[in-house]
Amino acid sequence: MLGDDERGFLRESEPFGVILFKRNVESPAQLCALIRNIRECLGRNDAEVLVDQEGGRVQRLGPPHWRAYPAAARLAGTDLPFARKGTLIRNVSRLIARDLRETGISIDCAPVLDVRVSGAHDVIGNRAYGGDPQTVAALGRSAALGLLDEGILPVMKHAPGHGRAMVDSHKALPIVSAGLAELEETDFRPFAANADLPAAMTAHVVYKSLDEAPATLSSSIVADIIRKKIGFSGLLFSDDLSMQALSGGLGERAAAAFTAGVDIALHCNGDLVEAEAVAAASPVLAGESLARAESASLRRTSAMAEADSSFDPVEAWAEIAAALAIAA
């Protein structure tokens, strides 16, 4: 459950929502109780609860209480016709989404739409659907639609593309030297093909041909690349502001992200002093940002209402297990 200091912080700062990690998860009953406690503390039954539940090595809810879902690359590598592969991935996402919805989680920071580049750091690695932009775009869309089918908001990441990073942005600042034309042909394409999706997350990556600042803190990349060139008009989250790719105090980072055009700032390491600095530098959700948040919420509600009601989770998992040669 929440500690007194955490409850005090939530009541005072009134955030858009809370993001959870493996350290916050013990069992279904404990997780449900924690999420109820968070929403009671905030006084909003619709307060958003986020998690990174991609499958593979990025999975906060896992065995023994939840299935171990396969990584994107493993799903993309199955020996199936392409259309069937997309259906398989959509069904995996539906199963993940059902797990999340049953606990009260409402947003999944997935899918990864980064294009894997040979020789890059494996911080993305098998989290990507592959090295072909068209494949990544199509399979990533299947994953996003599966989450929406079950009323979970997907957040595509990491715009405008993290696949070329030669260092782990959790630990250092990646610098990409590729020119605009090359980026448009590769890294940007999956995001542009899915620009109609309701939410996205920025990359803590410097694209030297575009700006000297990381994308999260760059108004030119947010406005000119993500919003205009890629065409994304949905809700834009920052990646975790506590990552070492960024410099300066946490309040400075948050202020710079909002100035750049991010709608929601994420702070993920659990340090309350840092969280207070981020909250102090964060504006009230209003104007275009509020409209984007409301539109994203409406999108998942309408998508769930329109989803195929004949979906059978037992049958779906059996098919997934057979395709991957794992125990059902």
C-alpha atoms as a PDB file:
ATOM      1  CA  MET A   1       0.000   0.000   0.000  1.00  0.00           C
ATOM      2  CA  LEU A   2       0.980   3.628  -0.261  1.00  0.00           C
ATOM      3  CA  GLY A   3       3.084   5.191   2.462  1.00  0.00           C
ATOM      4  CA  ASP A   4       2.026   8.394   4.206  1.00  0.00           C
ATOM      5  CA  ASP A   5       4.587  10.438   2.254  1.00  0.00           C
ATOM      6  CA  GLU A   6       3.353   8.973  -1.048  1.00  0.00           C
ATOM      7  CA  ARG A   7      -0.270   9.698  -0.202  1.00  0.00           C
ATOM      8  CA  GLY A   8       0.654  13.249   0.725  1.00  0.00           C
ATOM      9  CA  PHE A   9       2.511  13.746  -2.534  1.00  0.00           C
ATOM     10  CA  LEU A  10      -0.366  12.423  -4.643  1.00  0.00           C
ATOM     11  CA  ARG A  11      -2.957  14.550  -2.871  1.00  0.00           C
ATOM     12  CA  GLU A  12      -0.858  17.687  -3.198  1.00  0.00           C
ATOM     13  CA  SER A  13       0.400  17.248  -6.762  1.00  0.00           C
ATOM     14  CA  GLU A  14      -2.764  15.693  -8.279  1.00  0.00           C
ATOM     15  CA  PRO A  15      -0.945  14.029 -11.203  1.00  0.00           C
ATOM     16  CA  PHE A  16      -2.551  12.815 -14.416  1.00  0.00           C
ATOM     17  CA  GLY A  17      -1.779   9.312 -13.197  1.00  0.00           C
ATOM     18  CA  VAL A  18       0.796   6.926 -11.779  1.00  0.00           C
ATOM     19  CA  ILE A  19       3.206   4.572 -13.530  1.00  0.00           C
ATOM     20  CA  LEU A  20       3.976   1.249 -11.855  1.00  0.00           C
ATOM     21  CA  PHE A  21       7.024  -1.018 -12.051  1.00  0.00           C
ATOM     22  CA  LYS A  22       7.955  -4.536 -11.018  1.00  0.00           C
ATOM     23  CA  ARG A  23       8.928  -3.215  -7.586  1.00  0.00           C
ATOM     24  CA  ASN A  24       5.272  -2.255  -7.071  1.00  0.00           C
ATOM     25  CA  VAL A  25       3.838  -5.640  -8.066  1.00  0.00           C
ATOM     26  CA  GLU A  26       3.530  -8.706  -5.825  1.00  0.00           C
ATOM     27  CA  SER A  27       0.247 -10.448  -6.637  1.00  0.00           C
ATOM     28  CA  PRO A  28      -3.074  -9.735  -8.366  1.00  0.00           C
ATOM     29  CA  ALA A  29      -4.833  -9.005  -5.070  1.00  0.00           C
ATOM     30  CA  GLN A  30      -2.057  -6.695  -3.855  1.00  0.00           C
ATOM     31  CA  LEU A  31      -1.901  -4.860  -7.190  1.00  0.00           C
ATOM     32  CA  CYS A  32      -5.658  -4.329  -7.358  1.00  0.00           C
ATOM     33  CA  ALA A  33      -5.628  -2.988  -3.809  1.00  0.00           C
ATOM     34  CA  LEU A  34      -2.726  -0.637  -4.587  1.00  0.00           C
ATOM     35  CA  ILE A  35      -4.479   0.775  -7.642  1.00  0.00           C
ATOM     36  CA  ARG A  36      -7.706   1.288  -5.681  1.00  0.00           C
ATOM     37  CA  ASN A  37      -5.684   3.058  -3.007  1.00  0.00           C
ATOM     38  CA  ILE A  38      -4.041   5.337  -5.602  1.00  0.00           C
ATOM     39  CA  ARG A  39      -7.380   6.327  -7.106  1.00  0.00           C
ATOM     40  CA  GLU A  40      -8.989   6.846  -3.701  1.00  0.00           C
ATOM     41  CA  CYS A  41      -6.076   9.065  -2.716  1.00  0.00           C
ATOM     42  CA  LEU A  42      -6.446  11.107  -5.906  1.00  0.00           C
ATOM     43  CA  GLY A  43     -10.234  11.197  -5.582  1.00  0.00           C
ATOM     44  CA  ARG A  44     -10.608  10.154  -9.225  1.00  0.00           C
ATOM     45  CA  ASN A  45     -11.869   6.730 -10.211  1.00  0.00           C
ATOM     46  CA  ASP A  46     -10.635   7.428 -13.735  1.00  0.00           C
ATOM     47  CA  ALA A  47      -7.074   8.399 -12.747  1.00  0.00           C
ATOM     48  CA  GLU A  48      -4.724   6.736 -15.210  1.00  0.00           C
ATOM     49  CA  VAL A  49      -2.432   3.896 -14.152  1.00  0.00           C
ATOM     50  CA  LEU A  50       0.409   3.109 -16.542  1.00  0.00           C
ATOM     51  CA  VAL A  51       2.830   0.216 -16.917  1.00  0.00           C
ATOM     52  CA  ASP A  52       5.437  -1.054 -19.396  1.00  0.00           C
ATOM     53  CA  GLN A  53       4.090  -4.449 -20.414  1.00  0.00           C
ATOM     54  CA  GLU A  54       5.695  -5.218 -23.759  1.00  0.00           C
ATOM     55  CA  GLY A  55       6.531  -8.893 -23.235  1.00  0.00           C
ATOM     56  CA  GLY A  56      10.017 -10.359 -23.170  1.00  0.00           C
ATOM     57  CA  ARG A  57      12.451  -8.567 -20.872  1.00  0.00           C
ATOM     58  CA  VAL A  58      10.174  -5.538 -20.443  1.00  0.00           C
ATOM     59  CA  GLN A  59       7.264  -7.030 -18.524  1.00  0.00           C
ATOM     60  CA  ARG A  60       6.321  -5.692 -15.083  1.00  0.00           C
ATOM     61  CA  LEU A  61       3.569  -8.244 -14.433  1.00  0.00           C
ATOM     62  CA  GLY A  62       4.976 -11.744 -14.813  1.00  0.00           C
ATOM     63  CA  PRO A  63       5.091 -15.303 -13.476  1.00  0.00           C
ATOM     64  CA  PRO A  64       3.893 -16.894 -11.311  1.00  0.00           C
ATOM     65  CA  HIS A  65       0.710 -14.789 -11.397  1.00  0.00           C
ATOM     66  CA  TRP A  66       0.733 -13.699 -15.043  1.00  0.00           C
ATOM     67  CA  ARG A  67       1.954 -15.308 -18.247  1.00  0.00           C
ATOM     68  CA  ALA A  68       5.461 -14.703 -19.557  1.00  0.00           C
ATOM     69  CA  TYR A  69       4.695 -13.090 -22.896  1.00  0.00           C
ATOM     70  CA  PRO A  70       7.169 -13.299 -25.792  1.00  0.00           C
ATOM     71  CA  ALA A  71       9.255 -10.366 -26.987  1.00  0.00           C
ATOM     72  CA  ALA A  72       8.311  -8.543 -30.183  1.00  0.00           C
ATOM     73  CA  ALA A  73      11.186 -10.034 -32.178  1.00  0.00           C
ATOM     74  CA  ARG A  74      10.153 -13.566 -31.280  1.00  0.00           C
ATOM     75  CA  LEU A  75       6.597 -12.932 -32.408  1.00  0.00           C
ATOM     76  CA  ALA A  76       7.805 -11.317 -35.623  1.00  0.00           C
ATOM     77  CA  GLY A  77      10.085 -14.299 -36.247  1.00  0.00           C
ATOM     78  CA  THR A  78       7.389 -16.947 -36.215  1.00  0.00           C
ATOM     79  CA  ASP A  79       7.069 -19.071 -39.356  1.00  0.00           C
ATOM     80  CA  LEU A  80       3.627 -17.814 -40.303  1.00  0.00           C
ATOM     81  CA  PRO A  81       2.209 -15.898 -43.274  1.00  0.00           C
ATOM     82  CA  PHE A  82       2.478 -12.159 -42.623  1.00  0.00           C
ATOM     83  CA  ALA A  83      -1.249 -11.555 -42.150  1.00  0.00           C
ATOM     84  CA  ARG A  84      -1.489 -14.469 -39.711  1.00  0.00           C
ATOM     85  CA  LYS A  85       1.524 -13.116 -37.849  1.00  0.00           C
ATOM     86  CA  GLY A  86      -0.308  -9.822 -37.407  1.00  0.00           C
ATOM     87  CA  THR A  87      -3.328 -11.633 -35.998  1.00  0.00           C
ATOM     88  CA  LEU A  88      -1.097 -13.556 -33.605  1.00  0.00           C
ATOM     89  CA  ILE A  89       0.478 -10.326 -32.347  1.00  0.00           C
ATOM     90  CA  ARG A  90      -2.906  -8.656 -31.973  1.00  0.00           C
ATOM     91  CA  ASN A  91      -4.113 -11.619 -29.909  1.00  0.00           C
ATOM     92  CA  VAL A  92      -1.041 -11.486 -27.673  1.00  0.00           C
ATOM     93  CA  SER A  93      -1.800  -7.840 -27.022  1.00  0.00           C
ATOM     94  CA  ARG A  94      -5.421  -8.635 -26.244  1.00  0.00           C
ATOM     95  CA  LEU A  95      -4.302 -11.160 -23.635  1.00  0.00           C
ATOM     96  CA  ILE A  96      -1.839  -8.679 -22.138  1.00  0.00           C
ATOM     97  CA  ALA A  97      -4.571  -6.044 -22.086  1.00  0.00           C
ATOM     98  CA  ARG A  98      -6.988  -8.351 -20.289  1.00  0.00           C
ATOM     99  CA  ASP A  99      -4.369  -8.975 -17.614  1.00  0.00           C
ATOM    100  CA  LEU A 100      -3.934  -5.240 -17.165  1.00  0.00           C
ATOM    101  CA  ARG A 101      -7.616  -4.374 -17.224  1.00  0.00           C
ATOM    102  CA  GLU A 102      -8.389  -6.944 -14.537  1.00  0.00           C
ATOM    103  CA  THR A 103      -6.004  -5.153 -12.155  1.00  0.00           C
ATOM    104  CA  GLY A 104      -7.211  -1.644 -12.998  1.00  0.00           C
ATOM    105  CA  ILE A 105      -4.239  -0.612 -15.158  1.00  0.00           C
ATOM    106  CA  SER A 106      -5.445   1.591 -18.005  1.00  0.00           C
ATOM    107  CA  ILE A 107      -2.385   2.456 -20.142  1.00  0.00           C
ATOM    108  CA  ASP A 108       0.337   0.214 -21.568  1.00  0.00           C
ATOM    109  CA  CYS A 109       3.555   1.897 -22.703  1.00  0.00           C
ATOM    110  CA  ALA A 110       3.779  -0.302 -25.786  1.00  0.00           C
ATOM    111  CA  PRO A 111       4.283  -1.149 -28.605  1.00  0.00           C
ATOM    112  CA  VAL A 112       7.879  -0.364 -29.526  1.00  0.00           C
ATOM    113  CA  LEU A 113       7.938   1.051 -33.068  1.00  0.00           C
ATOM    114  CA  ASP A 114      11.687   1.557 -33.220  1.00  0.00           C
ATOM    115  CA  VAL A 115      13.448   0.063 -36.247  1.00  0.00           C
ATOM    116  CA  ARG A 116      16.300  -2.197 -35.199  1.00  0.00           C
ATOM    117  CA  VAL A 117      19.647  -1.218 -36.728  1.00  0.00           C
ATOM    118  CA  SER A 118      22.584  -3.606 -36.940  1.00  0.00           C
ATOM    119  CA  GLY A 119      25.344  -2.705 -34.484  1.00  0.00           C
ATOM    120  CA  ALA A 120      23.144  -0.518 -32.285  1.00  0.00           C
ATOM    121  CA  HIS A 121      22.963  -0.969 -28.522  1.00  0.00           C
ATOM    122  CA  ASP A 122      20.645  -3.776 -27.452  1.00  0.00           C
ATOM    123  CA  VAL A 123      18.566  -1.464 -25.221  1.00  0.00           C
ATOM    124  CA  ILE A 124      15.997  -1.880 -28.006  1.00  0.00           C
ATOM    125  CA  GLY A 125      17.185  -5.182 -29.485  1.00  0.00           C
ATOM    126  CA  ASN A 126      14.473  -7.839 -29.425  1.00  0.00           C
ATOM    127  CA  ARG A 127      11.921  -5.314 -28.204  1.00  0.00           C
ATOM    128  CA  ALA A 128      11.647  -4.237 -31.870  1.00  0.00           C
ATOM    129  CA  TYR A 129       9.617  -6.108 -34.481  1.00  0.00           C
ATOM    130  CA  GLY A 130      12.552  -5.997 -36.884  1.00  0.00           C
ATOM    131  CA  GLY A 131      14.791  -3.899 -39.066  1.00  0.00           C
ATOM    132  CA  ASP A 132      12.353  -3.233 -41.905  1.00  0.00           C
ATOM    133  CA  PRO A 133      10.252  -0.086 -41.340  1.00  0.00           C
ATOM    134  CA  GLN A 134       7.198  -1.447 -43.155  1.00  0.00           C
ATOM    135  CA  THR A 135       7.220  -4.646 -41.096  1.00  0.00           C
ATOM    136  CA  VAL A 136       7.653  -2.719 -37.851  1.00  0.00           C
ATOM    137  CA  ALA A 137       4.813  -0.387 -38.800  1.00  0.00           C
ATOM    138  CA  ALA A 138       2.361  -3.174 -39.618  1.00  0.00           C
ATOM    139  CA  LEU A 139       3.173  -5.505 -36.712  1.00  0.00           C
ATOM    140  CA  GLY A 140       3.379  -2.644 -34.240  1.00  0.00           C
ATOM    141  CA  ARG A 141      -0.061  -1.511 -35.360  1.00  0.00           C
ATOM    142  CA  SER A 142      -1.426  -5.007 -34.738  1.00  0.00           C
ATOM    143  CA  ALA A 143      -0.075  -4.838 -31.195  1.00  0.00           C
ATOM    144  CA  ALA A 144      -1.593  -1.394 -30.582  1.00  0.00           C
ATOM    145  CA  LEU A 145      -4.984  -2.450 -31.928  1.00  0.00           C
ATOM    146  CA  GLY A 146      -4.991  -5.505 -29.672  1.00  0.00           C
ATOM    147  CA  LEU A 147      -4.566  -3.274 -26.622  1.00  0.00           C
ATOM    148  CA  LEU A 148      -7.337  -0.966 -27.824  1.00  0.00           C
ATOM    149  CA  ASP A 149      -9.641  -3.970 -28.383  1.00  0.00           C
ATOM    150  CA  GLU A 150      -9.603  -4.518 -24.624  1.00  0.00           C
ATOM    151  CA  GLY A 151      -9.861  -0.860 -23.610  1.00  0.00           C
ATOM    152  CA  ILE A 152      -6.173  -0.305 -22.822  1.00  0.00           C
ATOM    153  CA  LEU A 153      -4.511   2.811 -24.222  1.00  0.00           C
ATOM    154  CA  PRO A 154      -1.342   1.972 -26.193  1.00  0.00           C
ATOM    155  CA  VAL A 155       1.637   4.341 -26.158  1.00  0.00           C
ATOM    156  CA  MET A 156       3.897   3.841 -29.176  1.00  0.00           C
ATOM    157  CA  LYS A 157       7.553   4.425 -28.441  1.00  0.00           C
ATOM    158  CA  HIS A 158      10.097   5.948 -28.819  1.00  0.00           C
ATOM    159  CA  ALA A 159       9.306   8.771 -31.285  1.00  0.00           C
ATOM    160  CA  PRO A 160      10.832   9.700 -33.628  1.00  0.00           C
ATOM    161  CA  GLY A 161      12.944   6.517 -33.381  1.00  0.00           C
ATOM    162  CA  HIS A 162      15.413   4.941 -30.924  1.00  0.00           C
ATOM    163  CA  GLY A 163      16.699   2.053 -33.027  1.00  0.00           C
ATOM    164  CA  ARG A 164      20.006   3.714 -34.016  1.00  0.00           C
ATOM    165  CA  ALA A 165      21.119   4.461 -30.447  1.00  0.00           C
ATOM    166  CA  MET A 166      24.641   3.205 -29.758  1.00  0.00           C
ATOM    167  CA  VAL A 167      24.300   3.618 -25.992  1.00  0.00           C
ATOM    168  CA  ASP A 168      21.566   2.872 -23.468  1.00  0.00           C
ATOM    169  CA  SER A 169      19.634   6.089 -22.800  1.00  0.00           C
ATOM    170  CA  HIS A 170      19.018   4.922 -19.238  1.00  0.00           C
ATOM    171  CA  LYS A 171      22.751   5.446 -18.676  1.00  0.00           C
ATOM    172  CA  ALA A 172      24.009   7.907 -21.305  1.00  0.00           C
ATOM    173  CA  LEU A 173      22.834  10.223 -24.082  1.00  0.00           C
ATOM    174  CA  PRO A 174      22.629   8.540 -27.514  1.00  0.00           C
ATOM    175  CA  ILE A 175      23.723  10.693 -30.442  1.00  0.00           C
ATOM    176  CA  VAL A 176      22.536   9.755 -33.922  1.00  0.00           C
ATOM    177  CA  SER A 177      24.335  11.205 -36.930  1.00  0.00           C
ATOM    178  CA  ALA A 178      22.005  10.016 -39.723  1.00  0.00           C
ATOM    179  CA  GLY A 179      20.634  12.765 -41.945  1.00  0.00           C
ATOM    180  CA  LEU A 180      17.003  13.763 -42.293  1.00  0.00           C
ATOM    181  CA  ALA A 181      16.457  11.888 -45.564  1.00  0.00           C
ATOM    182  CA  GLU A 182      17.730   8.631 -44.069  1.00  0.00           C
ATOM    183  CA  LEU A 183      15.685   9.085 -40.907  1.00  0.00           C
ATOM    184  CA  GLU A 184      12.560   9.741 -42.961  1.00  0.00           C
ATOM    185  CA  GLU A 185      13.096   6.539 -44.957  1.00  0.00           C
ATOM    186  CA  THR A 186      13.623   4.360 -41.893  1.00  0.00           C
ATOM    187  CA  ASP A 187      13.173   5.523 -38.300  1.00  0.00           C
ATOM    188  CA  PHE A 188      10.232   7.874 -38.850  1.00  0.00           C
ATOM    189  CA  ARG A 189       8.194   5.582 -41.101  1.00  0.00           C
ATOM    190  CA  PRO A 190       6.563   3.300 -38.473  1.00  0.00           C
ATOM    191  CA  PHE A 191       5.445   6.349 -36.495  1.00  0.00           C
ATOM    192  CA  ALA A 192       4.152   8.118 -39.600  1.00  0.00           C
ATOM    193  CA  ALA A 193       2.220   4.993 -40.631  1.00  0.00           C
ATOM    194  CA  ASN A 194       0.627   4.919 -37.183  1.00  0.00           C
ATOM    195  CA  ALA A 195       0.219   8.649 -36.636  1.00  0.00           C
ATOM    196  CA  ASP A 196      -3.498   8.124 -36.014  1.00  0.00           C
ATOM    197  CA  LEU A 197      -2.828   6.133 -32.827  1.00  0.00           C
ATOM    198  CA  PRO A 198      -3.838   8.007 -29.677  1.00  0.00           C
ATOM    199  CA  ALA A 199      -0.577   8.235 -27.714  1.00  0.00           C
ATOM    200  CA  ALA A 200       3.194   8.189 -28.133  1.00  0.00           C
ATOM    201  CA  MET A 201       6.381   8.529 -26.073  1.00  0.00           C
ATOM    202  CA  THR A 202       9.462  10.559 -26.939  1.00  0.00           C
ATOM    203  CA  ALA A 203      13.046   9.321 -27.294  1.00  0.00           C
ATOM    204  CA  HIS A 204      15.921  10.684 -25.201  1.00  0.00           C
ATOM    205  CA  VAL A 205      18.080  10.752 -28.326  1.00  0.00           C
ATOM    206  CA  VAL A 206      19.978  13.564 -30.069  1.00  0.00           C
ATOM    207  CA  TYR A 207      19.568  13.603 -33.851  1.00  0.00           C
ATOM    208  CA  LYS A 208      22.502  15.805 -34.862  1.00  0.00           C
ATOM    209  CA  SER A 209      21.062  16.675 -38.252  1.00  0.00           C
ATOM    210  CA  LEU A 210      17.934  18.052 -36.556  1.00  0.00           C
ATOM    211  CA  ASP A 211      18.899  19.616 -33.209  1.00  0.00           C
ATOM    212  CA  GLU A 212      21.591  19.491 -30.525  1.00  0.00           C
ATOM    213  CA  ALA A 213      18.972  18.789 -27.839  1.00  0.00           C
ATOM    214  CA  PRO A 214      17.452  15.348 -27.143  1.00  0.00           C
ATOM    215  CA  ALA A 215      14.077  14.865 -28.813  1.00  0.00           C
ATOM    216  CA  THR A 216      12.240  15.008 -25.471  1.00  0.00           C
ATOM    217  CA  LEU A 217      13.586  18.509 -24.865  1.00  0.00           C
ATOM    218  CA  SER A 218      13.568  19.789 -28.446  1.00  0.00           C
ATOM    219  CA  SER A 219      10.716  22.021 -29.554  1.00  0.00           C
ATOM    220  CA  SER A 220      11.841  21.705 -33.176  1.00  0.00           C
ATOM    221  CA  ILE A 221      11.742  17.900 -33.087  1.00  0.00           C
ATOM    222  CA  VAL A 222       8.396  17.794 -31.272  1.00  0.00           C
ATOM    223  CA  ALA A 223       6.776  20.459 -33.448  1.00  0.00           C
ATOM    224  CA  ASP A 224       8.460  19.974 -36.812  1.00  0.00           C
ATOM    225  CA  ILE A 225       9.176  16.242 -36.813  1.00  0.00           C
ATOM    226  CA  ILE A 226       6.752  14.442 -34.495  1.00  0.00           C
ATOM    227  CA  ARG A 227       3.774  16.750 -35.003  1.00  0.00           C
ATOM    228  CA  LYS A 228       4.241  17.912 -38.602  1.00  0.00           C
ATOM    229  CA  LYS A 229       6.466  15.552 -40.591  1.00  0.00           C
ATOM    230  CA  ILE A 230       5.308  12.367 -38.843  1.00  0.00           C
ATOM    231  CA  GLY A 231       1.817  13.812 -38.462  1.00  0.00           C
ATOM    232  CA  PHE A 232       1.136  12.671 -34.907  1.00  0.00           C
ATOM    233  CA  SER A 233      -1.524  14.780 -33.182  1.00  0.00           C
ATOM    234  CA  GLY A 234      -2.216  12.559 -30.166  1.00  0.00           C
ATOM    235  CA  LEU A 235      -1.173  12.599 -26.511  1.00  0.00           C
ATOM    236  CA  LEU A 236       2.622  12.852 -26.176  1.00  0.00           C
ATOM    237  CA  PHE A 237       4.431  11.474 -23.116  1.00  0.00           C
ATOM    238  CA  SER A 238       8.067  12.050 -22.311  1.00  0.00           C
ATOM    239  CA  ASP A 239      10.235   9.047 -21.623  1.00  0.00           C
ATOM    240  CA  ASP A 240      11.378   8.804 -17.994  1.00  0.00           C
ATOM    241  CA  LEU A 241      12.919  12.132 -16.997  1.00  0.00           C
ATOM    242  CA  SER A 242      15.145  10.454 -14.411  1.00  0.00           C
ATOM    243  CA  MET A 243      17.142   8.621 -17.096  1.00  0.00           C
ATOM    244  CA  GLN A 244      20.800   9.599 -17.307  1.00  0.00           C
ATOM    245  CA  ALA A 245      20.541  10.581 -20.963  1.00  0.00           C
ATOM    246  CA  LEU A 246      19.238  13.926 -19.691  1.00  0.00           C
ATOM    247  CA  SER A 247      21.208  16.453 -17.671  1.00  0.00           C
ATOM    248  CA  GLY A 248      20.261  19.156 -15.220  1.00  0.00           C
ATOM    249  CA  GLY A 249      17.913  19.048 -12.256  1.00  0.00           C
ATOM    250  CA  LEU A 250      14.605  17.188 -12.516  1.00  0.00           C
ATOM    251  CA  GLY A 251      12.637  20.425 -12.413  1.00  0.00           C
ATOM    252  CA  GLU A 252      14.745  21.808 -15.267  1.00  0.00           C
ATOM    253  CA  ARG A 253      14.193  18.665 -17.311  1.00  0.00           C
ATOM    254  CA  ALA A 254      10.440  18.759 -16.767  1.00  0.00           C
ATOM    255  CA  ALA A 255      10.189  22.452 -17.638  1.00  0.00           C
ATOM    256  CA  ALA A 256      12.212  21.897 -20.813  1.00  0.00           C
ATOM    257  CA  ALA A 257      10.057  18.928 -21.851  1.00  0.00           C
ATOM    258  CA  PHE A 258       6.848  20.929 -21.475  1.00  0.00           C
ATOM    259  CA  THR A 259       8.377  23.896 -23.300  1.00  0.00           C
ATOM    260  CA  ALA A 260       9.305  21.510 -26.110  1.00  0.00           C
ATOM    261  CA  GLY A 261       5.672  20.452 -26.425  1.00  0.00           C
ATOM    262  CA  VAL A 262       5.323  17.251 -24.419  1.00  0.00           C
ATOM    263  CA  ASP A 263       1.847  16.826 -22.905  1.00  0.00           C
ATOM    264  CA  ILE A 264       2.674  14.503 -19.984  1.00  0.00           C
ATOM    265  CA  ALA A 265       6.025  14.117 -18.197  1.00  0.00           C
ATOM    266  CA  LEU A 266       6.968  10.711 -16.800  1.00  0.00           C
ATOM    267  CA  HIS A 267       9.146  10.315 -13.709  1.00  0.00           C
ATOM    268  CA  CYS A 268       9.795   6.679 -12.920  1.00  0.00           C
ATOM    269  CA  ASN A 269      12.498   5.966 -10.337  1.00  0.00           C
ATOM    270  CA  GLY A 270      10.293   6.418  -7.260  1.00  0.00           C
ATOM    271  CA  ASP A 271      12.443   9.148  -5.671  1.00  0.00           C
ATOM    272  CA  LEU A 272       9.885  11.454  -4.040  1.00  0.00           C
ATOM    273  CA  VAL A 273      12.221  14.449  -3.839  1.00  0.00           C
ATOM    274  CA  GLU A 274      12.758  14.225  -7.592  1.00  0.00           C
ATOM    275  CA  ALA A 275       9.042  13.641  -8.178  1.00  0.00           C
ATOM    276  CA  GLU A 276       8.213  16.778  -6.206  1.00  0.00           C
ATOM    277  CA  ALA A 277      10.592  18.781  -8.410  1.00  0.00           C
ATOM    278  CA  VAL A 278       8.953  17.401 -11.551  1.00  0.00           C
ATOM    279  CA  ALA A 279       5.474  18.127 -10.187  1.00  0.00           C
ATOM    280  CA  ALA A 280       6.436  21.689  -9.259  1.00  0.00           C
ATOM    281  CA  ALA A 281       7.602  22.318 -12.832  1.00  0.00           C
ATOM    282  CA  SER A 282       4.561  20.706 -14.453  1.00  0.00           C
ATOM    283  CA  PRO A 283       1.615  22.786 -15.641  1.00  0.00           C
ATOM    284  CA  VAL A 284      -1.975  21.820 -14.975  1.00  0.00           C
ATOM    285  CA  LEU A 285      -3.265  19.623 -17.791  1.00  0.00           C
ATOM    286  CA  ALA A 286      -5.305  22.034 -19.879  1.00  0.00           C
ATOM    287  CA  GLY A 287      -5.880  23.389 -23.372  1.00  0.00           C
ATOM    288  CA  GLU A 288      -4.665  21.257 -26.275  1.00  0.00           C
ATOM    289  CA  SER A 289      -2.990  18.758 -23.937  1.00  0.00           C
ATOM    290  CA  LEU A 290      -6.232  18.148 -22.068  1.00  0.00           C
ATOM    291  CA  ALA A 291      -8.090  17.795 -25.364  1.00  0.00           C
ATOM    292  CA  ARG A 292      -5.560  15.183 -26.514  1.00  0.00           C
ATOM    293  CA  ALA A 293      -5.958  13.262 -23.257  1.00  0.00           C
ATOM    294  CA  GLU A 294      -9.746  13.289 -23.581  1.00  0.00           C
ATOM    295  CA  SER A 295      -9.536  12.203 -27.217  1.00  0.00           C
ATOM    296  CA  ALA A 296      -7.220   9.319 -26.293  1.00  0.00           C
ATOM    297  CA  SER A 297      -9.640   8.143 -23.607  1.00  0.00           C
ATOM    298  CA  LEU A 298     -12.554   8.301 -26.035  1.00  0.00           C
ATOM    299  CA  ARG A 299     -10.566   6.321 -28.624  1.00  0.00           C
ATOM    300  CA  ARG A 300     -10.018   3.368 -26.324  1.00  0.00           C
ATOM    301  CA  THR A 301     -13.642   3.380 -25.185  1.00  0.00           C
ATOM    302  CA  SER A 302     -14.956   3.329 -28.750  1.00  0.00           C
ATOM    303  CA  ALA A 303     -12.383   0.730 -29.860  1.00  0.00           C
ATOM    304  CA  MET A 304     -13.392  -1.639 -27.081  1.00  0.00           C
ATOM    305  CA  ALA A 305     -17.060  -1.268 -27.990  1.00  0.00           C
ATOM    306  CA  GLU A 306     -16.267  -2.182 -31.608  1.00  0.00           C
ATOM    307  CA  ALA A 307     -13.895  -5.094 -30.867  1.00  0.00           C
ATOM    308  CA  ASP A 308     -14.571  -8.650 -32.007  1.00  0.00           C
ATOM    309  CA  SER A 309     -16.620 -10.125 -29.148  1.00  0.00           C
ATOM    310  CA  SER A 310     -15.975 -13.700 -30.287  1.00  0.00           C
ATOM    311  CA  PHE A 311     -12.355 -13.515 -29.070  1.00  0.00           C
ATOM    312  CA  ASP A 312     -11.600 -16.619 -26.975  1.00  0.00           C
ATOM    313  CA  PRO A 313      -8.557 -16.120 -24.692  1.00  0.00           C
ATOM    314  CA  VAL A 314      -8.043 -19.848 -24.088  1.00  0.00           C
ATOM    315  CA  GLU A 315      -8.103 -20.633 -27.789  1.00  0.00           C
ATOM    316  CA  ALA A 316      -5.910 -17.618 -28.559  1.00  0.00           C
ATOM    317  CA  TRP A 317      -3.224 -18.655 -26.087  1.00  0.00           C
ATOM    318  CA  ALA A 318      -3.247 -22.211 -27.389  1.00  0.00           C
ATOM    319  CA  GLU A 319      -2.595 -20.891 -30.914  1.00  0.00           C
ATOM    320  CA  ILE A 320       0.157 -18.594 -29.676  1.00  0.00           C
ATOM    321  CA  ALA A 321       1.794 -21.430 -27.747  1.00  0.00           C
ATOM    322  CA  ALA A 322       1.669 -23.686 -30.797  1.00  0.00           C
ATOM    323  CA  ALA A 323       3.204 -21.018 -33.042  1.00  0.00           C
ATOM    324  CA  LEU A 324       6.017 -20.408 -30.560  1.00  0.00           C
ATOM    325  CA  ALA A 325       6.466 -24.060 -29.507  1.00  0.00           C
ATOM    326  CA  ILE A 326       5.942 -23.270 -25.820  1.00  0.00           C
ATOM    327  CA  ALA A 327       3.753 -24.820 -23.154  1.00  0.00           C
ATOM    328  CA  ALA A 328       0.114 -23.736 -23.382  1.00  0.00           C
END
